[in-house]
Amino acid sequence: MERQMEKHITVLGALYIAFGALNVLAAIIVWTIVVGGGLISGDEEAIAITTGVASAIVFILVLFAAPGIIGGIGLLKWRRWARYVVLILGCLNLFHIPLGTVLGVYTIWALMQDETVKLFASGPSAAPHS
């Protein structure tokens, strides 16, 4: 059973990194479109406003992406703190219907299993390395 849980933790880590990367990609796309709109107008005031708005949106998207990427990397490296970070993110994801809810349920299920708790409690030296 522990081997199965190792696979679930690997999948979770990859999913959190992937979702975080998608948020970063969305930030890049939003910035390009919003700033591009200002540049197309040619109006200096519009350029300043769209650049400010785009920068704020990018900041927020990256701010939300960072914990998932960091937590996902931590899970892949079997860091104890990563389990707590990703559990919190999993609870928050429950409100992001529909995909976030599925990810949140899977996260809570996988990280609350007794086998998973034991794997993380035994420390990095006992954690699987493949």
Protein backbone atom coordinates (compact mmCIF):
# COMPACT_ATOMS: atom_id res chain seq x y z
CA MET A 1 0.00 0.00 0.00
CA GLU A 2 2.89 2.37 0.75
CA ARG A 3 4.11 1.99 -2.83
CA GLN A 4 0.69 3.12 -4.08
CA MET A 5 0.76 6.14 -1.80
CA GLU A 6 4.22 7.03 -3.11
CA LYS A 7 2.72 7.18 -6.59
CA HIS A 8 -0.20 9.32 -5.39
CA ILE A 9 2.22 11.78 -3.78
CA THR A 10 4.23 11.97 -7.00
CA VAL A 11 1.05 12.59 -9.00
CA LEU A 12 -0.07 15.27 -6.53
CA GLY A 13 3.29 17.02 -6.70
CA ALA A 14 3.17 17.03 -10.49
CA LEU A 15 -0.44 18.28 -10.53
CA TYR A 16 0.31 21.20 -8.22
CA ILE A 17 3.34 22.18 -10.28
CA ALA A 18 1.29 21.90 -13.48
CA PHE A 19 -1.61 23.98 -12.14
CA GLY A 20 0.84 26.58 -10.87
CA ALA A 21 2.57 26.66 -14.25
CA LEU A 22 -0.81 27.14 -15.94
CA ASN A 23 -1.45 30.15 -13.69
CA VAL A 24 1.93 31.60 -14.67
CA LEU A 25 1.10 30.99 -18.35
CA ALA A 26 -2.26 32.70 -17.84
CA ALA A 27 -0.44 35.64 -16.25
CA ILE A 28 1.83 35.96 -19.29
CA ILE A 29 -1.13 35.81 -21.67
CA VAL A 30 -3.14 38.36 -19.68
CA TRP A 31 -0.18 40.72 -19.49
CA THR A 32 0.44 40.44 -23.23
CA ILE A 33 -3.19 41.05 -24.16
CA VAL A 34 -3.88 43.90 -21.73
CA VAL A 35 -0.60 45.74 -22.32
CA GLY A 36 -0.92 45.06 -26.05
CA GLY A 37 -4.32 46.71 -26.03
CA GLY A 38 -2.81 49.82 -24.53
CA LEU A 39 0.06 49.81 -27.00
CA ILE A 40 -2.29 49.43 -29.95
CA SER A 41 -4.21 52.50 -28.83
CA GLY A 42 -1.05 54.59 -29.00
CA ASP A 43 -2.34 56.79 -26.17
CA GLU A 44 0.28 57.26 -23.46
CA GLU A 45 -2.34 57.43 -20.72
CA ALA A 46 -3.98 54.20 -21.94
CA ILE A 47 -0.58 52.51 -22.07
CA ALA A 48 0.15 53.57 -18.49
CA ILE A 49 -3.24 52.38 -17.23
CA THR A 50 -3.20 49.03 -19.06
CA THR A 51 0.38 48.38 -17.94
CA GLY A 52 -0.58 49.06 -14.30
CA VAL A 53 -3.72 46.91 -14.48
CA ALA A 54 -1.86 44.09 -16.24
CA SER A 55 0.96 44.19 -13.72
CA ALA A 56 -1.49 43.95 -10.81
CA ILE A 57 -3.27 40.98 -12.40
CA VAL A 58 0.05 39.25 -13.11
CA PHE A 59 1.19 39.83 -9.54
CA ILE A 60 -1.98 38.25 -8.16
CA LEU A 61 -1.85 35.25 -10.52
CA VAL A 62 1.81 34.57 -9.74
CA LEU A 63 1.14 35.06 -6.03
CA PHE A 64 -1.52 32.33 -6.21
CA ALA A 65 0.66 30.08 -8.37
CA ALA A 66 3.79 30.20 -6.21
CA PRO A 67 2.57 28.14 -3.21
CA GLY A 68 1.33 25.36 -5.52
CA ILE A 69 4.61 25.18 -7.40
CA ILE A 70 6.67 25.32 -4.21
CA GLY A 71 4.40 22.77 -2.47
CA GLY A 72 4.48 20.46 -5.49
CA ILE A 73 8.27 20.54 -5.61
CA GLY A 74 8.34 19.91 -1.86
CA LEU A 75 6.09 16.87 -2.26
CA LEU A 76 8.32 15.47 -4.99
CA LYS A 77 11.30 15.92 -2.65
CA TRP A 78 9.40 14.41 0.30
CA ARG A 79 9.64 17.49 2.52
CA ARG A 80 7.44 17.33 5.62
CA TRP A 81 6.34 20.96 5.36
CA ALA A 82 5.08 20.37 1.80
CA ARG A 83 2.37 18.04 3.06
CA TYR A 84 0.92 20.83 5.20
CA VAL A 85 1.23 23.46 2.48
CA VAL A 86 -0.50 21.27 -0.09
CA LEU A 87 -3.19 20.21 2.40
CA ILE A 88 -4.07 23.87 2.95
CA LEU A 89 -4.08 24.46 -0.81
CA GLY A 90 -6.27 21.38 -1.25
CA CYS A 91 -8.83 22.79 1.16
CA LEU A 92 -8.81 26.13 -0.66
CA ASN A 93 -9.14 24.34 -4.01
CA LEU A 94 -12.43 22.81 -2.90
CA PHE A 95 -14.08 26.13 -3.75
CA HIS A 96 -12.72 26.24 -7.31
CA ILE A 97 -15.47 24.27 -9.01
CA PRO A 98 -15.13 21.86 -10.87
CA LEU A 99 -11.41 21.03 -11.38
CA GLY A 100 -10.22 22.59 -8.15
CA THR A 101 -12.82 20.62 -6.22
CA VAL A 102 -11.63 17.36 -7.72
CA LEU A 103 -7.99 18.27 -7.01
CA GLY A 104 -8.90 19.33 -3.47
CA VAL A 105 -10.71 16.09 -2.69
CA TYR A 106 -7.87 14.02 -4.15
CA THR A 107 -5.31 16.07 -2.20
CA ILE A 108 -7.10 15.66 1.13
CA TRP A 109 -7.69 11.96 0.52
CA ALA A 110 -4.08 11.23 -0.48
CA LEU A 111 -2.36 13.32 2.17
CA MET A 112 -4.55 12.19 5.07
CA GLN A 113 -3.99 8.46 4.55
CA ASP A 114 -2.19 6.75 7.43
CA GLU A 115 0.46 5.42 5.02
CA THR A 116 1.16 8.92 3.75
CA VAL A 117 1.42 10.35 7.25
CA LYS A 118 3.94 7.60 8.11
CA LEU A 119 5.95 8.21 4.93
CA PHE A 120 6.31 11.91 5.74
CA ALA A 121 6.84 11.40 9.48
CA SER A 122 9.79 9.07 8.93
CA GLY A 123 11.77 11.91 7.38
CA PRO A 124 13.54 12.39 4.07
CA SER A 125 16.05 9.58 4.67
CA ALA A 126 13.28 6.97 4.79
CA ALA A 127 11.34 8.56 1.97
CA PRO A 128 11.33 6.75 -1.34
CA HIS A 129 13.89 7.78 -3.95
CA SER A 130 13.35 6.48 -7.43
